[in-house]
Amino acid sequence: MKLEKLVGDRFKERPSDCQIDSHAIMVRGGYIKYVANGVFSSYMPLRRITKKIEQIIREEMDKIDGQEVQFPVVMPASLWEESGRYTSVGSELLRFTDRNGSKMLLGMTHEEAAVHLVREYGQSYSKYPFMIYQIQTKFRDEARPRGGLIRVREFTMKDAYSFHTSQEDLEQYYAKCHKAYENVYRRAGVPEVISVASDSGMMGGSISHEFMLLTPVGEDSIAICEECGYSANVEAAQCLYDGISTLENTELQKIHTPDKHTIEDVCEFLGSSPQKSVKAVVYQKNLDDRYVVVFIRGDLDVNETKLHNRLGEDFHPAVITEECGLHAGFIGPVGLDADCDVFYDRSLEGMHGLVCGANEDDYHYIGFSCARDADIKEYGDYAKISDGAVCPNCGKHSIKVSRGIEVGNIFQLGTKYTKTMNMTYLDANGESHYPIMGCYGIGVGRLAASVCEAHHDDYGPIWPMSIAPWQVHICAVRSDDSEVKQTADTLYEQLQNDNVEVMYDDRKVSAGVMFSDADLLGIPLRAVISPRNLKDGVVEISSRDKSISVKIPVAEAAAELKKLIAQMLDMYK
């Protein structure tokens, strides 16, 4: 490919509306073009990258007996009504009505389509286990797309679905798929991706993992133990507590706290601390606006994902009115008579000598004891884990919260979809059962952007050889020089004849412009042919990551480049 024919412009300046480096690089380098919020068109360099990622994924899925299929982008609402998700999923699901008045939707995920495809086929135990997968366009109407391809509305995704007759069989296959995912990320050039326990969210199921590329620009928070290696998304990370043994078990006393609404104000006024306080966090359910009060230790925050899993429905921050019976800023467990659902975080279990609201304007209690002063039936885990927290695995105060980009996820779905959609099979005794499912997803464009985010410098991306758009970039400096042009043309032809993927720049531009464009394309190997090099009878070969810089005789340049390509590809096998 000659660079002068490559569609798409490259820019020197960073676009002002790009928040993260990978987004800026892909716009500057002619990889993507904005179409609408969270929707992009892809130029040829990105298409070549994503095709290679897709091929890696296909090879790894085929190794674990996956069968590639294709589901429709547009589906009838009736499929999702069978599973119950047509109404339970929020506005992320794009619903519409076709010209015949039929309710339709754009697929944001394809569990329903997978069950629909195989429920007649899978009527006998002898057909199991099996896995089907697709690489398909999806649409999720994200409220806040960001970061270029990191969070979009339209995207390409590999999603796979496995079907089993026992939990043990699912777990064995789940482990195989987990290993296959590690292979995908290693081969794509990001072996630093880690697996973390996660929340299953709207997908359902009891066990799930996310694969995270740790980076400060990530939108997910990951709890990592620096002692034992435990890792989990903060949405799923279990919170453990030592308790505070120094708190005295004193009498309950009501104290006048005029205009002290916040934990900080009350603690300052009473000479206490948030750790010795009870905080009330109030929500309302979306369906009926019923109030939900969560009592939690004052220095902690509510993990809304955990609360959502407990409630089983969506909610929003409360608007507290005069007639609701709640006193904003003074809500507490003692004497709470408002009509609301109440939950207690286990950070309060066994605690006494606490400060809490008195359910009366301008008053708080001191000396509150959870066991003595409130009829608490149960405690739950509703808190968000934080730096320095107790590790759920080793019990040490060694948790560190880091940021990460989710580049894949796997779920043990159980029978959530086969049961609701009435998919059954007969076992060897003629008894009917619901198959058990697993689900496995990788966002292709997001993975490409994440590789760029992990491997770039101030000048552009540093693509791994395994997914680079081209393998070699020939720069003919001073192509108006006949010897330079002839030597570069010959090398270009030699490499093409040997099936090497080559980008050839023979434009009559300055060396600075040529090298700047080469940096933005991020091709792993660069061969520079110039009057100065030819004077010495050599071609200058360097790598984009600056680990290689050699001068090779012209006659040996093609062979040297092929050798280096093979060595670089070996790194990702």
Protein backbone atom coordinates (compact mmCIF):
# COMPACT_ATOMS: atom_id res chain seq x y z
CA MET A 1 0.00 0.00 0.00
CA LYS A 2 1.31 3.44 -0.89
CA LEU A 3 0.75 6.08 1.76
CA GLU A 4 -0.25 8.69 -0.81
CA LYS A 5 -3.30 6.52 -1.62
CA LEU A 6 -4.36 5.96 2.00
CA VAL A 7 -7.74 7.56 2.66
CA GLY A 8 -7.80 9.64 5.83
CA ASP A 9 -5.88 12.68 7.04
CA ARG A 10 -3.28 12.83 9.80
CA PHE A 11 -2.99 15.84 12.08
CA LYS A 12 -0.14 17.31 14.09
CA GLU A 13 -2.23 18.89 16.86
CA ARG A 14 -4.19 17.01 19.50
CA PRO A 15 -7.98 17.51 19.13
CA SER A 16 -9.36 19.55 22.01
CA ASP A 17 -12.38 17.30 22.57
CA CYS A 18 -10.40 14.08 23.11
CA GLN A 19 -10.17 13.22 26.80
CA ILE A 20 -7.74 10.30 26.66
CA ASP A 21 -4.64 9.55 24.61
CA SER A 22 -5.97 6.63 22.57
CA HIS A 23 -8.93 8.72 21.39
CA ALA A 24 -6.65 11.59 20.39
CA ILE A 25 -4.22 9.28 18.60
CA MET A 26 -6.94 7.54 16.63
CA VAL A 27 -8.39 10.86 15.47
CA ARG A 28 -4.97 12.37 14.68
CA GLY A 29 -3.74 9.25 12.93
CA GLY A 30 -6.70 8.74 10.61
CA TYR A 31 -8.18 5.69 12.31
CA ILE A 32 -11.69 6.90 13.17
CA LYS A 33 -14.09 9.69 12.28
CA TYR A 34 -16.90 10.96 14.50
CA VAL A 35 -20.41 10.35 13.14
CA ALA A 36 -22.66 10.85 16.16
CA ASN A 37 -22.38 10.65 19.93
CA GLY A 38 -20.73 7.28 20.59
CA VAL A 39 -20.77 6.32 16.90
CA PHE A 40 -17.67 6.31 14.66
CA SER A 41 -16.64 5.29 11.16
CA SER A 42 -13.36 3.39 10.82
CA TYR A 43 -10.65 4.07 8.26
CA MET A 44 -8.50 1.31 6.75
CA PRO A 45 -5.72 1.22 9.42
CA LEU A 46 -8.21 0.46 12.19
CA ARG A 47 -10.08 -2.06 10.06
CA ARG A 48 -6.86 -3.98 9.49
CA ILE A 49 -6.15 -3.94 13.24
CA THR A 50 -9.63 -5.12 14.24
CA LYS A 51 -9.63 -7.87 11.60
CA LYS A 52 -6.44 -9.26 13.13
CA ILE A 53 -7.96 -9.08 16.61
CA GLU A 54 -11.03 -10.88 15.32
CA GLN A 55 -8.87 -13.60 13.81
CA ILE A 56 -7.02 -14.11 17.09
CA ILE A 57 -10.37 -14.39 18.87
CA ARG A 58 -11.68 -16.87 16.29
CA GLU A 59 -8.62 -19.06 16.64
CA GLU A 60 -8.88 -19.15 20.44
CA MET A 61 -12.63 -19.81 20.37
CA ASP A 62 -12.20 -22.57 17.79
CA LYS A 63 -9.54 -24.22 19.99
CA ILE A 64 -12.16 -24.71 22.73
CA ASP A 65 -14.70 -26.15 20.27
CA GLY A 66 -16.59 -22.94 19.58
CA GLN A 67 -18.79 -22.81 16.49
CA GLU A 68 -19.16 -19.45 14.78
CA VAL A 69 -22.72 -18.34 14.04
CA GLN A 70 -24.36 -15.02 13.39
CA PHE A 71 -27.39 -13.54 15.13
CA PRO A 72 -29.46 -10.67 13.75
CA VAL A 73 -28.79 -7.09 14.79
CA VAL A 74 -32.54 -6.40 14.81
CA MET A 75 -34.77 -8.68 16.88
CA PRO A 76 -38.47 -8.84 17.65
CA ALA A 77 -39.45 -7.67 21.11
CA SER A 78 -41.14 -11.03 21.69
CA LEU A 79 -37.77 -12.74 22.23
CA TRP A 80 -36.85 -10.33 24.99
CA GLU A 81 -40.37 -10.49 26.41
CA GLU A 82 -39.82 -14.23 26.88
CA SER A 83 -36.76 -13.59 29.04
CA GLY A 84 -38.36 -10.63 30.83
CA ARG A 85 -35.60 -8.23 29.81
CA TYR A 86 -37.72 -6.20 27.39
CA THR A 87 -39.16 -4.33 30.36
CA SER A 88 -36.44 -4.88 32.99
CA VAL A 89 -33.62 -3.37 30.94
CA GLY A 90 -33.63 0.42 30.93
CA SER A 91 -33.15 2.97 28.18
CA GLU A 92 -29.84 1.39 27.08
CA LEU A 93 -32.00 -0.96 24.99
CA LEU A 94 -33.11 0.82 21.82
CA ARG A 95 -36.72 -0.12 21.10
CA PHE A 96 -38.69 0.83 17.99
CA THR A 97 -41.76 -0.13 15.95
CA ASP A 98 -41.45 -1.26 12.34
CA ARG A 99 -43.79 -0.29 9.49
CA ASN A 100 -46.13 -3.18 10.35
CA GLY A 101 -46.54 -1.98 13.92
CA SER A 102 -44.40 -4.80 15.36
CA LYS A 103 -42.24 -4.02 18.36
CA MET A 104 -38.56 -4.43 17.54
CA LEU A 105 -35.18 -3.70 19.16
CA LEU A 106 -31.50 -3.36 18.35
CA GLY A 107 -29.42 -6.09 19.96
CA MET A 108 -27.15 -4.90 22.75
CA THR A 109 -26.44 -8.52 23.71
CA HIS A 110 -27.70 -11.83 22.32
CA GLU A 111 -28.57 -14.32 25.08
CA GLU A 112 -32.17 -14.49 23.86
CA ALA A 113 -31.11 -15.01 20.25
CA ALA A 114 -28.69 -17.76 21.30
CA VAL A 115 -31.40 -19.69 23.15
CA HIS A 116 -33.80 -19.18 20.25
CA LEU A 117 -31.23 -20.60 17.82
CA VAL A 118 -30.56 -23.86 19.67
CA ARG A 119 -33.58 -24.68 21.82
CA GLU A 120 -35.01 -27.14 19.26
CA TYR A 121 -31.59 -28.59 18.54
CA GLY A 122 -30.74 -29.11 22.23
CA GLN A 123 -33.67 -31.34 23.20
CA SER A 124 -31.51 -34.38 24.06
CA TYR A 125 -28.70 -34.68 26.61
CA SER A 126 -26.58 -36.33 23.90
CA LYS A 127 -26.15 -32.97 22.14
CA TYR A 128 -24.36 -31.36 25.10
CA PRO A 129 -22.09 -29.60 25.80
CA PHE A 130 -21.63 -27.10 22.96
CA MET A 131 -20.62 -23.46 22.46
CA ILE A 132 -21.64 -21.01 19.78
CA TYR A 133 -20.13 -17.58 19.18
CA GLN A 134 -20.44 -14.63 16.86
CA ILE A 135 -18.58 -11.42 16.01
CA GLN A 136 -21.31 -8.90 15.37
CA THR A 137 -22.33 -5.26 15.48
CA LYS A 138 -24.31 -4.25 18.55
CA PHE A 139 -25.97 -1.09 19.79
CA ARG A 140 -26.25 0.03 23.40
CA ASP A 141 -27.73 3.47 23.97
CA GLU A 142 -25.11 4.57 26.50
CA ALA A 143 -25.99 7.70 28.44
CA ARG A 144 -22.39 8.94 28.54
CA PRO A 145 -20.19 7.69 25.69
CA ARG A 146 -16.55 8.68 26.24
CA GLY A 147 -12.96 8.04 25.30
CA GLY A 148 -13.42 7.40 21.59
CA LEU A 149 -13.80 3.63 21.20
CA ILE A 150 -13.52 2.95 24.94
CA ARG A 151 -17.22 3.56 25.58
CA VAL A 152 -19.44 3.81 22.51
CA ARG A 153 -23.02 3.14 21.53
CA GLU A 154 -22.41 1.14 18.34
CA PHE A 155 -19.65 -1.46 18.59
CA THR A 156 -18.39 -4.80 17.34
CA MET A 157 -18.30 -7.58 19.89
CA LYS A 158 -17.48 -11.24 20.11
CA ASP A 159 -20.04 -12.92 22.31
CA ALA A 160 -20.13 -16.64 22.98
CA TYR A 161 -22.72 -18.83 24.69
CA SER A 162 -22.08 -22.31 26.08
CA PHE A 163 -24.74 -24.86 27.07
CA HIS A 164 -24.26 -27.63 29.65
CA THR A 165 -26.13 -30.35 31.52
CA SER A 166 -24.36 -29.86 34.86
CA GLN A 167 -22.80 -27.09 36.91
CA GLU A 168 -19.55 -29.07 37.05
CA ASP A 169 -19.37 -29.19 33.27
CA LEU A 170 -20.02 -25.44 33.06
CA GLU A 171 -17.27 -24.72 35.57
CA GLN A 172 -14.77 -26.82 33.64
CA TYR A 173 -15.62 -25.02 30.41
CA TYR A 174 -15.61 -21.65 32.16
CA ALA A 175 -12.01 -22.32 33.20
CA LYS A 176 -11.10 -23.19 29.59
CA CYS A 177 -12.66 -19.97 28.36
CA HIS A 178 -10.86 -17.99 31.06
CA LYS A 179 -7.56 -19.39 29.75
CA ALA A 180 -8.57 -18.66 26.15
CA TYR A 181 -9.20 -15.04 27.11
CA GLU A 182 -5.75 -14.79 28.66
CA ASN A 183 -4.38 -16.10 25.36
CA VAL A 184 -6.32 -13.48 23.38
CA TYR A 185 -4.94 -10.59 25.41
CA ARG A 186 -1.39 -11.94 25.33
CA ARG A 187 -1.52 -12.45 21.56
CA ALA A 188 -3.07 -9.00 21.05
CA GLY A 189 -0.15 -7.42 22.89
CA VAL A 190 -1.60 -6.68 26.33
CA PRO A 191 -0.52 -9.57 28.59
CA GLU A 192 -0.84 -7.18 31.54
CA VAL A 193 -4.63 -7.54 31.46
CA ILE A 194 -5.86 -9.06 34.75
CA SER A 195 -8.96 -11.04 35.67
CA VAL A 196 -11.15 -9.67 38.47
CA ALA A 197 -14.30 -10.91 40.15
CA SER A 198 -17.25 -8.80 39.05
CA ASP A 199 -20.96 -8.15 39.39
CA SER A 200 -23.18 -9.90 36.84
CA GLY A 201 -25.51 -6.93 36.47
CA MET A 202 -28.37 -7.30 34.03
CA MET A 203 -26.76 -10.45 32.59
CA GLY A 204 -27.73 -12.47 35.66
CA GLY A 205 -25.94 -15.51 37.02
CA SER A 206 -23.93 -15.99 40.18
CA ILE A 207 -20.27 -16.02 39.06
CA SER A 208 -18.62 -13.59 36.68
CA HIS A 209 -15.21 -12.14 35.88
CA GLU A 210 -14.06 -9.06 34.06
CA PHE A 211 -10.74 -8.68 32.30
CA MET A 212 -9.19 -5.33 33.09
CA LEU A 213 -6.37 -3.31 31.63
CA LEU A 214 -5.12 -1.22 34.53
CA THR A 215 -4.71 2.40 33.49
CA PRO A 216 -5.39 5.76 35.20
CA VAL A 217 -7.88 6.69 32.46
CA GLY A 218 -10.05 3.61 33.07
CA GLU A 219 -13.68 4.10 34.00
CA ASP A 220 -13.91 1.09 36.32
CA SER A 221 -12.47 0.89 39.84
CA ILE A 222 -10.63 -2.29 40.79
CA ALA A 223 -9.82 -3.44 44.32
CA ILE A 224 -6.44 -5.19 44.37
CA CYS A 225 -4.66 -6.77 47.32
CA GLU A 226 -0.95 -6.04 47.18
CA GLU A 227 -0.26 -8.93 49.56
CA CYS A 228 -2.10 -11.93 48.12
CA GLY A 229 -3.15 -10.82 44.62
CA TYR A 230 -6.92 -10.76 45.27
CA SER A 231 -8.71 -8.59 42.72
CA ALA A 232 -12.33 -7.59 42.16
CA ASN A 233 -14.35 -4.80 40.66
CA VAL A 234 -15.34 -2.46 43.50
CA GLU A 235 -18.96 -3.14 42.54
CA ALA A 236 -18.50 -6.76 43.60
CA ALA A 237 -15.70 -6.55 46.18
CA GLN A 238 -16.76 -7.78 49.61
CA CYS A 239 -16.21 -5.32 52.47
CA LEU A 240 -14.82 -6.62 55.78
CA TYR A 241 -14.27 -4.68 59.01
CA ASP A 242 -12.20 -5.00 62.15
CA GLY A 243 -14.65 -3.07 64.28
CA ILE A 244 -13.54 -0.24 66.58
CA SER A 245 -12.81 -1.63 70.00
CA THR A 246 -12.14 1.75 71.61
CA LEU A 247 -15.75 2.94 71.49
CA GLU A 248 -17.35 3.10 74.92
CA ASN A 249 -20.74 1.61 75.60
CA THR A 250 -22.47 4.72 76.98
CA GLU A 251 -26.07 5.76 77.52
CA LEU A 252 -28.16 7.01 74.63
CA GLN A 253 -28.46 10.80 74.87
CA LYS A 254 -30.23 13.28 72.63
CA ILE A 255 -28.09 16.32 71.81
CA HIS A 256 -29.14 19.61 70.24
CA THR A 257 -27.21 20.02 66.96
CA PRO A 258 -28.66 23.15 65.31
CA ASP A 259 -28.20 23.33 61.52
CA LYS A 260 -25.69 20.45 61.56
CA HIS A 261 -26.84 18.37 58.60
CA THR A 262 -23.69 16.67 57.33
CA ILE A 263 -21.53 14.01 58.95
CA GLU A 264 -18.59 16.41 58.90
CA ASP A 265 -20.51 19.24 60.57
CA VAL A 266 -21.97 16.99 63.27
CA CYS A 267 -18.61 15.37 64.04
CA GLU A 268 -16.90 18.73 64.32
CA PHE A 269 -19.68 20.04 66.58
CA LEU A 270 -19.59 16.97 68.88
CA GLY A 271 -15.84 16.36 68.73
CA SER A 272 -16.37 12.94 67.18
CA SER A 273 -15.35 11.33 63.86
CA PRO A 274 -17.20 9.86 60.84
CA GLN A 275 -15.87 6.42 61.79
CA LYS A 276 -17.85 6.65 65.03
CA SER A 277 -21.06 7.77 63.31
CA VAL A 278 -24.06 6.29 61.54
CA LYS A 279 -24.78 7.79 58.13
CA ALA A 280 -28.21 7.55 56.49
CA VAL A 281 -28.25 7.41 52.69
CA VAL A 282 -31.71 7.71 51.15
CA TYR A 283 -32.98 6.56 47.73
CA GLN A 284 -36.34 6.11 46.02
CA LYS A 285 -37.40 3.16 43.88
CA ASN A 286 -38.02 4.06 40.26
CA LEU A 287 -41.26 2.12 39.95
CA ASP A 288 -43.22 3.58 42.86
CA ASP A 289 -40.95 6.21 44.49
CA ARG A 290 -40.92 4.26 47.75
CA TYR A 291 -38.12 5.45 50.04
CA VAL A 292 -35.13 3.25 50.83
CA VAL A 293 -32.82 4.13 53.74
CA VAL A 294 -29.38 2.58 54.08
CA PHE A 295 -27.60 3.01 57.42
CA ILE A 296 -23.83 2.71 57.10
CA ARG A 297 -20.74 3.76 59.04
CA GLY A 298 -20.10 7.45 58.52
CA ASP A 299 -16.72 7.12 56.79
CA LEU A 300 -18.03 4.68 54.15
CA ASP A 301 -20.01 5.07 50.92
CA VAL A 302 -22.91 2.97 49.69
CA ASN A 303 -22.13 0.61 46.82
CA GLU A 304 -25.22 1.15 44.69
CA THR A 305 -24.63 -2.00 42.66
CA LYS A 306 -24.86 -4.12 45.81
CA LEU A 307 -28.02 -2.28 46.85
CA HIS A 308 -29.52 -2.80 43.40
CA ASN A 309 -28.83 -6.53 43.66
CA ARG A 310 -30.58 -6.59 47.05
CA LEU A 311 -33.62 -4.65 45.87
CA GLY A 312 -33.87 -6.27 42.45
CA GLU A 313 -34.97 -3.01 40.87
CA ASP A 314 -33.70 0.42 39.86
CA PHE A 315 -33.67 3.43 42.17
CA HIS A 316 -32.54 7.05 42.25
CA PRO A 317 -31.34 9.55 44.88
CA ALA A 318 -34.27 10.57 47.05
CA VAL A 319 -36.09 13.86 47.03
CA ILE A 320 -37.08 14.21 50.70
CA THR A 321 -40.35 16.06 51.21
CA GLU A 322 -41.91 17.39 54.41
CA GLU A 323 -44.74 14.87 54.38
CA CYS A 324 -42.58 11.73 53.91
CA GLY A 325 -41.66 11.49 57.61
CA LEU A 326 -37.91 11.70 57.02
CA HIS A 327 -35.86 14.57 58.43
CA ALA A 328 -33.04 15.30 56.02
CA GLY A 329 -29.72 15.47 57.84
CA PHE A 330 -31.15 14.00 61.05
CA ILE A 331 -32.26 10.49 60.01
CA GLY A 332 -31.34 7.69 62.41
CA PRO A 333 -32.29 4.14 63.45
CA VAL A 334 -33.95 5.15 66.75
CA GLY A 335 -37.63 6.02 66.42
CA LEU A 336 -37.70 5.94 62.62
CA ASP A 337 -41.39 5.67 61.75
CA ALA A 338 -41.41 6.75 58.11
CA ASP A 339 -42.90 4.37 55.55
CA CYS A 340 -39.70 3.12 53.94
CA ASP A 341 -37.47 0.10 53.42
CA VAL A 342 -34.50 0.08 55.81
CA PHE A 343 -31.16 -1.68 55.39
CA TYR A 344 -28.17 -1.86 57.72
CA ASP A 345 -24.62 -2.28 56.48
CA ARG A 346 -22.59 -4.80 58.42
CA SER A 347 -19.99 -2.13 59.21
CA LEU A 348 -22.39 -1.27 62.08
CA GLU A 349 -22.71 -4.79 63.47
CA GLY A 350 -21.58 -5.00 67.11
CA MET A 351 -20.89 -1.26 67.26
CA HIS A 352 -21.83 1.02 70.14
CA GLY A 353 -21.09 4.54 71.36
CA LEU A 354 -22.08 5.93 67.96
CA VAL A 355 -23.50 9.26 66.82
CA CYS A 356 -26.70 9.04 64.78
CA GLY A 357 -29.65 11.16 63.72
CA ALA A 358 -32.57 11.48 66.15
CA ASN A 359 -35.30 11.72 63.48
CA GLU A 360 -36.00 15.23 64.70
CA ASP A 361 -34.78 18.46 63.17
CA ASP A 362 -31.62 19.81 64.83
CA TYR A 363 -31.09 16.77 67.07
CA HIS A 364 -28.71 13.80 67.13
CA TYR A 365 -28.08 10.93 69.53
CA ILE A 366 -24.77 10.04 71.06
CA GLY A 367 -24.03 6.66 72.66
CA PHE A 368 -26.10 4.70 70.12
CA SER A 369 -25.71 0.92 70.38
CA CYS A 370 -26.87 -1.18 67.42
CA ALA A 371 -27.74 -4.20 69.56
CA ARG A 372 -29.40 -2.24 72.40
CA ASP A 373 -31.20 0.67 70.74
CA ALA A 374 -32.49 -0.67 67.42
CA ASP A 375 -34.40 -3.76 66.38
CA ILE A 376 -32.04 -4.82 63.58
CA LYS A 377 -33.02 -8.14 62.03
CA GLU A 378 -30.05 -8.49 59.66
CA TYR A 379 -26.98 -6.75 58.34
CA GLY A 380 -25.91 -6.76 54.70
CA ASP A 381 -22.90 -5.84 52.61
CA TYR A 382 -23.80 -2.48 51.06
CA ALA A 383 -20.48 -0.61 51.36
CA LYS A 384 -17.98 0.35 48.68
CA ILE A 385 -14.48 -0.94 49.33
CA SER A 386 -11.71 1.67 49.57
CA ASP A 387 -7.93 2.04 49.88
CA GLY A 388 -6.56 0.37 53.00
CA ALA A 389 -9.62 -1.83 53.50
CA VAL A 390 -9.41 -5.41 54.76
CA CYS A 391 -8.71 -7.91 51.99
CA PRO A 392 -11.54 -10.51 51.82
CA ASN A 393 -8.97 -13.16 50.93
CA CYS A 394 -5.98 -12.69 53.28
CA GLY A 395 -7.53 -10.43 55.94
CA LYS A 396 -4.82 -7.76 55.79
CA HIS A 397 -5.32 -4.01 55.40
CA SER A 398 -3.77 -4.18 51.96
CA ILE A 399 -6.48 -3.20 49.47
CA LYS A 400 -5.54 -0.63 46.85
CA VAL A 401 -8.16 0.77 44.47
CA SER A 402 -6.93 1.28 40.90
CA ARG A 403 -8.59 2.31 37.66
CA GLY A 404 -9.05 -0.02 34.70
CA ILE A 405 -10.65 -0.47 31.28
CA GLU A 406 -12.84 -3.54 30.94
CA VAL A 407 -11.72 -5.41 27.81
CA GLY A 408 -13.83 -8.54 28.28
CA ASN A 409 -16.16 -10.42 30.61
CA ILE A 410 -17.36 -13.95 31.28
CA PHE A 411 -20.46 -15.07 33.19
CA GLN A 412 -21.89 -18.27 34.59
CA LEU A 413 -25.51 -17.57 33.73
CA GLY A 414 -27.09 -20.72 35.11
CA THR A 415 -30.65 -21.33 33.88
CA LYS A 416 -31.78 -17.68 33.87
CA TYR A 417 -32.49 -17.67 30.12
CA THR A 418 -33.21 -21.31 29.36
CA LYS A 419 -35.85 -21.41 32.09
CA THR A 420 -37.64 -18.18 31.15
CA MET A 421 -37.52 -19.12 27.45
CA ASN A 422 -38.56 -22.74 28.11
CA MET A 423 -35.52 -24.46 26.62
CA THR A 424 -35.38 -28.04 27.94
CA TYR A 425 -33.65 -31.34 27.24
CA LEU A 426 -34.37 -34.94 28.21
CA ASP A 427 -31.70 -36.78 30.19
CA ALA A 428 -30.83 -40.50 29.87
CA ASN A 429 -33.82 -41.37 32.06
CA GLY A 430 -36.26 -39.32 30.03
CA GLU A 431 -36.52 -36.56 32.64
CA SER A 432 -36.73 -32.93 31.55
CA HIS A 433 -34.16 -30.31 32.63
CA TYR A 434 -33.13 -26.79 31.78
CA PRO A 435 -29.65 -26.45 30.25
CA ILE A 436 -27.09 -24.37 32.16
CA MET A 437 -25.49 -21.49 30.26
CA GLY A 438 -22.24 -19.57 30.22
CA CYS A 439 -21.65 -16.26 28.41
CA TYR A 440 -18.34 -14.79 27.21
CA GLY A 441 -17.80 -11.37 25.60
CA ILE A 442 -14.96 -9.27 24.15
CA GLY A 443 -15.37 -5.80 22.63
CA VAL A 444 -13.17 -5.71 19.51
CA GLY A 445 -12.90 -1.95 19.02
CA ARG A 446 -12.45 -1.34 22.73
CA LEU A 447 -9.63 -3.89 22.81
CA ALA A 448 -7.90 -2.09 19.91
CA ALA A 449 -8.23 1.25 21.70
CA SER A 450 -7.00 -0.31 24.95
CA VAL A 451 -3.88 -1.66 23.25
CA CYS A 452 -3.27 1.86 21.94
CA GLU A 453 -3.83 3.29 25.42
CA ALA A 454 -1.35 0.84 26.93
CA HIS A 455 1.32 1.18 24.24
CA HIS A 456 1.93 4.66 22.87
CA ASP A 457 4.26 7.59 23.24
CA ASP A 458 3.93 11.32 22.60
CA TYR A 459 4.09 10.75 18.85
CA GLY A 460 1.57 7.96 18.30
CA PRO A 461 0.71 4.29 18.89
CA ILE A 462 3.23 1.46 19.19
CA TRP A 463 1.27 -1.42 17.70
CA PRO A 464 2.29 -5.00 18.51
CA MET A 465 3.34 -6.95 15.43
CA SER A 466 0.44 -9.36 15.96
CA ILE A 467 -2.24 -6.75 15.30
CA ALA A 468 -0.37 -3.91 13.57
CA PRO A 469 -2.08 -2.52 10.46
CA TRP A 470 1.09 -3.22 8.45
CA GLN A 471 4.34 -4.93 9.39
CA VAL A 472 6.89 -2.68 7.67
CA HIS A 473 6.86 1.02 6.84
CA ILE A 474 9.26 2.02 4.03
CA CYS A 475 10.24 5.70 4.11
CA ALA A 476 11.86 6.87 0.88
CA VAL A 477 13.46 10.13 2.00
CA ARG A 478 14.10 12.29 -1.08
CA SER A 479 12.16 10.11 -3.48
CA ASP A 480 13.07 12.62 -6.18
CA ASP A 481 16.53 11.04 -6.05
CA SER A 482 16.50 8.28 -8.67
CA GLU A 483 18.71 5.92 -6.64
CA VAL A 484 16.50 6.33 -3.56
CA LYS A 485 13.35 5.74 -5.61
CA GLN A 486 14.74 2.68 -7.38
CA THR A 487 16.07 1.11 -4.17
CA ALA A 488 12.80 1.76 -2.30
CA ASP A 489 10.69 0.43 -5.19
CA THR A 490 12.79 -2.73 -5.31
CA LEU A 491 12.51 -3.34 -1.56
CA TYR A 492 8.77 -2.71 -1.70
CA GLU A 493 8.37 -5.26 -4.51
CA GLN A 494 10.57 -7.83 -2.75
CA LEU A 495 8.56 -7.62 0.47
CA GLN A 496 5.23 -7.76 -1.31
CA ASN A 497 6.33 -10.85 -3.24
CA ASP A 498 7.16 -12.45 0.13
CA ASN A 499 3.68 -11.60 1.49
CA VAL A 500 4.99 -9.00 3.92
CA GLU A 501 2.44 -6.30 4.77
CA VAL A 502 4.08 -3.06 3.68
CA MET A 503 3.21 0.62 3.84
CA TYR A 504 5.34 2.55 1.34
CA ASP A 505 5.80 6.30 1.63
CA ASP A 506 7.42 7.76 -1.49
CA ARG A 507 5.74 11.15 -1.28
CA LYS A 508 7.78 14.23 -2.06
CA VAL A 509 7.50 15.61 1.47
CA SER A 510 10.06 16.50 4.11
CA ALA A 511 11.61 13.83 6.31
CA GLY A 512 9.88 15.43 9.32
CA VAL A 513 6.41 15.04 7.80
CA MET A 514 7.22 11.51 6.65
CA PHE A 515 8.45 10.36 10.06
CA SER A 516 5.57 12.09 11.86
CA ASP A 517 3.05 10.19 9.74
CA ALA A 518 4.98 6.98 10.33
CA ASP A 519 4.81 7.52 14.08
CA LEU A 520 1.05 8.04 13.90
CA LEU A 521 0.60 4.79 11.97
CA GLY A 522 2.68 2.99 14.63
CA ILE A 523 3.90 0.22 12.30
CA PRO A 524 6.41 -1.98 14.20
CA LEU A 525 9.32 -1.84 11.71
CA ARG A 526 10.57 1.09 9.68
CA ALA A 527 13.00 0.97 6.77
CA VAL A 528 14.51 4.33 5.87
CA ILE A 529 16.11 4.74 2.45
CA SER A 530 17.86 8.07 1.96
CA PRO A 531 20.79 9.54 -0.02
CA ARG A 532 22.89 9.51 3.16
CA ASN A 533 22.19 5.82 3.85
CA LEU A 534 22.73 4.82 0.22
CA LYS A 535 26.06 6.59 0.22
CA ASP A 536 27.09 3.90 2.74
CA GLY A 537 25.17 1.19 0.86
CA VAL A 538 22.74 0.53 3.72
CA VAL A 539 19.09 0.68 4.69
CA GLU A 540 18.36 1.99 8.19
CA ILE A 541 15.97 -0.38 9.99
CA SER A 542 14.41 0.58 13.30
CA SER A 543 11.48 -0.48 15.43
CA ARG A 544 8.66 1.80 16.51
CA ASP A 545 9.37 1.03 20.16
CA LYS A 546 13.03 2.11 19.65
CA SER A 547 14.41 -1.26 20.80
CA ILE A 548 15.99 -1.89 17.37
CA SER A 549 18.16 0.43 15.28
CA VAL A 550 20.49 -1.17 12.74
CA LYS A 551 21.97 -0.41 9.34
CA ILE A 552 21.80 -3.34 6.94
CA PRO A 553 23.34 -3.64 3.46
CA VAL A 554 20.75 -2.90 0.81
CA ALA A 555 20.88 -6.41 -0.62
CA GLU A 556 20.16 -7.92 2.81
CA ALA A 557 17.40 -5.53 3.92
CA ALA A 558 14.43 -7.66 2.83
CA ALA A 559 15.80 -10.77 4.54
CA GLU A 560 16.58 -8.82 7.74
CA LEU A 561 13.06 -7.37 7.85
CA LYS A 562 11.48 -10.81 7.41
CA LYS A 563 13.67 -12.19 10.18
CA LEU A 564 12.66 -9.38 12.55
CA ILE A 565 8.98 -9.84 11.69
CA ALA A 566 9.21 -13.54 12.54
CA GLN A 567 10.95 -12.76 15.83
CA MET A 568 8.33 -10.18 16.79
CA LEU A 569 5.44 -12.47 15.88
CA ASP A 570 6.96 -15.22 18.03
CA MET A 571 6.53 -12.94 21.05
CA TYR A 572 2.74 -13.18 20.70
CA LYS A 573 2.28 -16.89 20.03
